[in-house]
PDB file of N, CA and C in Angstrom:
ATOM      1  N   MET A   1       0.842  -1.174   0.000  1.00  0.00           N
ATOM      2  CA  MET A   1       0.000   0.000   0.000  1.00  0.00           C
ATOM      3  C   MET A   1       0.890   1.241   0.000  1.00  0.00           C
ATOM      4  N   CYS A   2       0.513   2.206  -0.821  1.00  0.00           N
ATOM      5  CA  CYS A   2       1.288   3.439  -0.911  1.00  0.00           C
ATOM      6  C   CYS A   2       0.859   4.400   0.205  1.00  0.00           C
ATOM      7  N   PRO A   3       1.818   4.927   0.968  1.00  0.00           N
ATOM      8  CA  PRO A   3       1.461   5.847   2.035  1.00  0.00           C
ATOM      9  C   PRO A   3       0.986   7.212   1.518  1.00  0.00           C
ATOM     10  N   GLN A   4       1.240   7.492   0.283  1.00  0.00           N
ATOM     11  CA  GLN A   4       0.853   8.789  -0.277  1.00  0.00           C
ATOM     12  C   GLN A   4      -0.532   8.761  -0.920  1.00  0.00           C
ATOM     13  N   CYS A   5      -0.824   7.718  -1.703  1.00  0.00           N
ATOM     14  CA  CYS A   5      -2.101   7.698  -2.436  1.00  0.00           C
ATOM     15  C   CYS A   5      -2.999   6.513  -2.085  1.00  0.00           C
ATOM     16  N   GLY A   6      -2.482   5.513  -1.358  1.00  0.00           N
ATOM     17  CA  GLY A   6      -3.288   4.371  -0.955  1.00  0.00           C
ATOM     18  C   GLY A   6      -3.354   3.238  -1.963  1.00  0.00           C
ATOM     19  N   TYR A   7      -2.670   3.369  -3.095  1.00  0.00           N
ATOM     20  CA  TYR A   7      -2.658   2.330  -4.132  1.00  0.00           C
ATOM     21  C   TYR A   7      -2.042   1.048  -3.572  1.00  0.00           C
ATOM     22  N   LYS A   8      -2.687  -0.090  -3.839  1.00  0.00           N
ATOM     23  CA  LYS A   8      -2.206  -1.372  -3.323  1.00  0.00           C
ATOM     24  C   LYS A   8      -1.581  -2.201  -4.433  1.00  0.00           C
ATOM     25  N   LYS A   9      -0.403  -2.728  -4.143  1.00  0.00           N
ATOM     26  CA  LYS A   9       0.309  -3.601  -5.073  1.00  0.00           C
ATOM     27  C   LYS A   9       1.139  -4.581  -4.252  1.00  0.00           C
ATOM     28  N   LYS A  10       1.011  -5.855  -4.553  1.00  0.00           N
ATOM     29  CA  LYS A  10       1.760  -6.867  -3.821  1.00  0.00           C
ATOM     30  C   LYS A  10       3.240  -6.765  -4.140  1.00  0.00           C
ATOM     31  N   LYS A  11       4.052  -6.889  -3.096  1.00  0.00           N
ATOM     32  CA  LYS A  11       5.512  -6.869  -3.255  1.00  0.00           C
ATOM     33  C   LYS A  11       6.084  -8.189  -2.755  1.00  0.00           C
ATOM     34  N   GLU A  12       7.158  -8.593  -3.358  1.00  0.00           N
ATOM     35  CA  GLU A  12       7.907  -9.747  -2.879  1.00  0.00           C
ATOM     36  C   GLU A  12       8.840  -9.280  -1.759  1.00  0.00           C
ATOM     37  N   LEU A  13       9.251 -10.190  -0.893  1.00  0.00           N
ATOM     38  CA  LEU A  13      10.105  -9.815   0.236  1.00  0.00           C
ATOM     39  C   LEU A  13      11.455  -9.251  -0.198  1.00  0.00           C
ATOM     40  N   PHE A  14      11.940  -9.649  -1.350  1.00  0.00           N
ATOM     41  CA  PHE A  14      13.252  -9.175  -1.796  1.00  0.00           C
ATOM     42  C   PHE A  14      13.202  -7.743  -2.333  1.00  0.00           C
ATOM     43  N   GLN A  15      12.013  -7.227  -2.611  1.00  0.00           N
ATOM     44  CA  GLN A  15      11.883  -5.856  -3.108  1.00  0.00           C
ATOM     45  C   GLN A  15      12.021  -4.894  -1.930  1.00  0.00           C
ATOM     46  N   ARG A  16      13.079  -4.114  -1.910  1.00  0.00           N
ATOM     47  CA  ARG A  16      13.381  -3.250  -0.770  1.00  0.00           C
ATOM     48  C   ARG A  16      12.973  -1.798  -1.007  1.00  0.00           C
ATOM     49  N   VAL A  17      12.532  -1.472  -2.205  1.00  0.00           N
ATOM     50  CA  VAL A  17      12.141  -0.093  -2.515  1.00  0.00           C
ATOM     51  C   VAL A  17      10.667  -0.069  -2.887  1.00  0.00           C
ATOM     52  N   HIS A  18       9.945   0.869  -2.277  1.00  0.00           N
ATOM     53  CA  HIS A  18       8.546   1.077  -2.639  1.00  0.00           C
ATOM     54  C   HIS A  18       8.537   2.041  -3.815  1.00  0.00           C
ATOM     55  N   ASN A  19       7.955   1.605  -4.919  1.00  0.00           N
ATOM     56  CA  ASN A  19       7.862   2.432  -6.121  1.00  0.00           C
ATOM     57  C   ASN A  19       6.413   2.362  -6.587  1.00  0.00           C
ATOM     58  N   CYS A  20       5.643   3.433  -6.312  1.00  0.00           N
ATOM     59  CA  CYS A  20       4.217   3.423  -6.608  1.00  0.00           C
ATOM     60  C   CYS A  20       3.964   3.666  -8.093  1.00  0.00           C
ATOM     61  N   ASP A  21       3.187   2.778  -8.695  1.00  0.00           N
ATOM     62  CA  ASP A  21       2.821   2.921 -10.105  1.00  0.00           C
ATOM     63  C   ASP A  21       1.772   4.011 -10.304  1.00  0.00           C
ATOM     64  N   ASN A  22       1.065   4.371  -9.237  1.00  0.00           N
ATOM     65  CA  ASN A  22      -0.022   5.336  -9.344  1.00  0.00           C
ATOM     66  C   ASN A  22       0.457   6.782  -9.171  1.00  0.00           C
ATOM     67  N   CYS A  23       1.213   7.064  -8.106  1.00  0.00           N
ATOM     68  CA  CYS A  23       1.624   8.450  -7.829  1.00  0.00           C
ATOM     69  C   CYS A  23       3.132   8.680  -7.964  1.00  0.00           C
ATOM     70  N   ASN A  24       3.876   7.632  -8.293  1.00  0.00           N
ATOM     71  CA  ASN A  24       5.326   7.703  -8.522  1.00  0.00           C
ATOM     72  C   ASN A  24       6.154   7.979  -7.270  1.00  0.00           C
ATOM     73  N   LEU A  25       5.585   7.735  -6.080  1.00  0.00           N
ATOM     74  CA  LEU A  25       6.368   7.865  -4.850  1.00  0.00           C
ATOM     75  C   LEU A  25       7.437   6.784  -4.830  1.00  0.00           C
ATOM     76  N   ILE A  26       8.647   7.170  -4.507  1.00  0.00           N
ATOM     77  CA  ILE A  26       9.744   6.221  -4.354  1.00  0.00           C
ATOM     78  C   ILE A  26      10.295   6.393  -2.943  1.00  0.00           C
ATOM     79  N   ALA A  27      10.314   5.295  -2.183  1.00  0.00           N
ATOM     80  CA  ALA A  27      10.814   5.327  -0.812  1.00  0.00           C
ATOM     81  C   ALA A  27      11.307   3.940  -0.441  1.00  0.00           C
ATOM     82  N   ASP A  28      12.202   3.888   0.524  1.00  0.00           N
ATOM     83  CA  ASP A  28      12.622   2.613   1.079  1.00  0.00           C
ATOM     84  C   ASP A  28      11.379   1.896   1.599  1.00  0.00           C
ATOM     85  N   ARG A  29      11.317   0.605   1.424  1.00  0.00           N
ATOM     86  CA  ARG A  29      10.128  -0.152   1.827  1.00  0.00           C
ATOM     87  C   ARG A  29       9.829   0.011   3.312  1.00  0.00           C
ATOM     88  N   ASP A  30      10.853   0.015   4.146  1.00  0.00           N
ATOM     89  CA  ASP A  30      10.651   0.167   5.583  1.00  0.00           C
ATOM     90  C   ASP A  30      10.150   1.571   5.925  1.00  0.00           C
ATOM     91  N   VAL A  31      10.627   2.567   5.225  1.00  0.00           N
ATOM     92  CA  VAL A  31      10.164   3.940   5.444  1.00  0.00           C
ATOM     93  C   VAL A  31       8.699   4.069   5.043  1.00  0.00           C
ATOM     94  N   ALA A  32       8.333   3.495   3.914  1.00  0.00           N
ATOM     95  CA  ALA A  32       6.937   3.532   3.466  1.00  0.00           C
ATOM     96  C   ALA A  32       6.035   2.836   4.486  1.00  0.00           C
ATOM     97  N   ALA A  33       6.478   1.708   5.020  1.00  0.00           N
ATOM     98  CA  ALA A  33       5.696   0.996   6.025  1.00  0.00           C
ATOM     99  C   ALA A  33       5.555   1.835   7.293  1.00  0.00           C
ATOM    100  N   ALA A  34       6.621   2.508   7.699  1.00  0.00           N
ATOM    101  CA  ALA A  34       6.562   3.371   8.882  1.00  0.00           C
ATOM    102  C   ALA A  34       5.607   4.544   8.656  1.00  0.00           C
ATOM    103  N   MET A  35       5.572   5.069   7.449  1.00  0.00           N
ATOM    104  CA  MET A  35       4.644   6.162   7.132  1.00  0.00           C
ATOM    105  C   MET A  35       3.199   5.692   7.264  1.00  0.00           C
ATOM    106  N   ILE A  36       2.902   4.497   6.765  1.00  0.00           N
ATOM    107  CA  ILE A  36       1.544   3.940   6.869  1.00  0.00           C
ATOM    108  C   ILE A  36       1.189   3.695   8.329  1.00  0.00           C
ATOM    109  N   PHE A  37       2.127   3.149   9.093  1.00  0.00           N
ATOM    110  CA  PHE A  37       1.899   2.897  10.518  1.00  0.00           C
ATOM    111  C   PHE A  37       1.591   4.206  11.250  1.00  0.00           C
ATOM    112  N   THR A  38       2.347   5.242  10.974  1.00  0.00           N
ATOM    113  CA  THR A  38       2.148   6.542  11.616  1.00  0.00           C
ATOM    114  C   THR A  38       0.788   7.134  11.253  1.00  0.00           C
ATOM    115  N   GLN A  39       0.425   7.065   9.981  1.00  0.00           N
ATOM    116  CA  GLN A  39      -0.882   7.576   9.551  1.00  0.00           C
ATOM    117  C   GLN A  39      -2.017   6.830  10.255  1.00  0.00           C
ATOM    118  N   THR A  40      -1.882   5.514  10.351  1.00  0.00           N
ATOM    119  CA  THR A  40      -2.906   4.702  11.008  1.00  0.00           C
ATOM    120  C   THR A  40      -2.996   5.043  12.490  1.00  0.00           C
ATOM    121  N   PHE A  41      -1.857   5.216  13.135  1.00  0.00           N
ATOM    122  CA  PHE A  41      -1.809   5.566  14.551  1.00  0.00           C
ATOM    123  C   PHE A  41      -2.547   6.875  14.808  1.00  0.00           C
ATOM    124  N   PHE A  42      -2.252   7.915  14.037  1.00  0.00           N
ATOM    125  CA  PHE A  42      -2.894   9.202  14.239  1.00  0.00           C
ATOM    126  C   PHE A  42      -4.386   9.150  13.904  1.00  0.00           C
ATOM    127  N   PHE A  43      -4.771   8.350  12.933  1.00  0.00           N
ATOM    128  CA  PHE A  43      -6.180   8.167  12.612  1.00  0.00           C
ATOM    129  C   PHE A  43      -6.916   7.543  13.801  1.00  0.00           C
ATOM    130  N   LEU A  44      -6.308   6.519  14.396  1.00  0.00           N
ATOM    131  CA  LEU A  44      -6.935   5.868  15.548  1.00  0.00           C
ATOM    132  C   LEU A  44      -7.007   6.796  16.757  1.00  0.00           C
ATOM    133  N   ILE A  45      -6.003   7.611  16.958  1.00  0.00           N
ATOM    134  CA  ILE A  45      -6.021   8.601  18.048  1.00  0.00           C
ATOM    135  C   ILE A  45      -7.189   9.561  17.859  1.00  0.00           C
ATOM    136  N   GLU A  46      -7.423  10.010  16.643  1.00  0.00           N
ATOM    137  CA  GLU A  46      -8.539  10.916  16.366  1.00  0.00           C
ATOM    138  C   GLU A  46      -9.875  10.226  16.627  1.00  0.00           C
ATOM    139  N   LEU A  47      -9.991   8.943  16.278  1.00  0.00           N
ATOM    140  CA  LEU A  47     -11.218   8.202  16.562  1.00  0.00           C
ATOM    141  C   LEU A  47     -11.465   8.102  18.064  1.00  0.00           C
ATOM    142  N   ILE A  48     -10.409   7.860  18.809  1.00  0.00           N
ATOM    143  CA  ILE A  48     -10.529   7.752  20.263  1.00  0.00           C
ATOM    144  C   ILE A  48     -10.973   9.101  20.837  1.00  0.00           C
ATOM    145  N   LYS A  49     -10.422  10.187  20.335  1.00  0.00           N
ATOM    146  CA  LYS A  49     -10.803  11.519  20.820  1.00  0.00           C
ATOM    147  C   LYS A  49     -12.289  11.786  20.584  1.00  0.00           C
ATOM    148  N   LEU A  50     -12.829  11.324  19.468  1.00  0.00           N
ATOM    149  CA  LEU A  50     -14.236  11.536  19.161  1.00  0.00           C
ATOM    150  C   LEU A  50     -15.156  10.795  20.111  1.00  0.00           C
ATOM    151  N   ARG A  51     -14.691   9.696  20.659  1.00  0.00           N
ATOM    152  CA  ARG A  51     -15.517   8.875  21.553  1.00  0.00           C
ATOM    153  C   ARG A  51     -15.512   9.389  22.981  1.00  0.00           C
ATOM    154  N   ILE A  52     -14.604  10.278  23.311  1.00  0.00           N
ATOM    155  CA  ILE A  52     -14.491  10.786  24.701  1.00  0.00           C
ATOM    156  C   ILE A  52     -15.462  11.919  24.921  1.00  0.00           C
TER     157      ILE A  52
END
């Protein structure tokens, strides 16, 4: 999944660079995964705030 546009494409484990076919984002695979994790974390924090 692309952290910039959300486009999903399966990657093999040996592919170490995220290269989005949709928005042309190029990033290290681990960096792209960390970006998605961070976005998800902040989204969940906002959901929790709405419930309080």
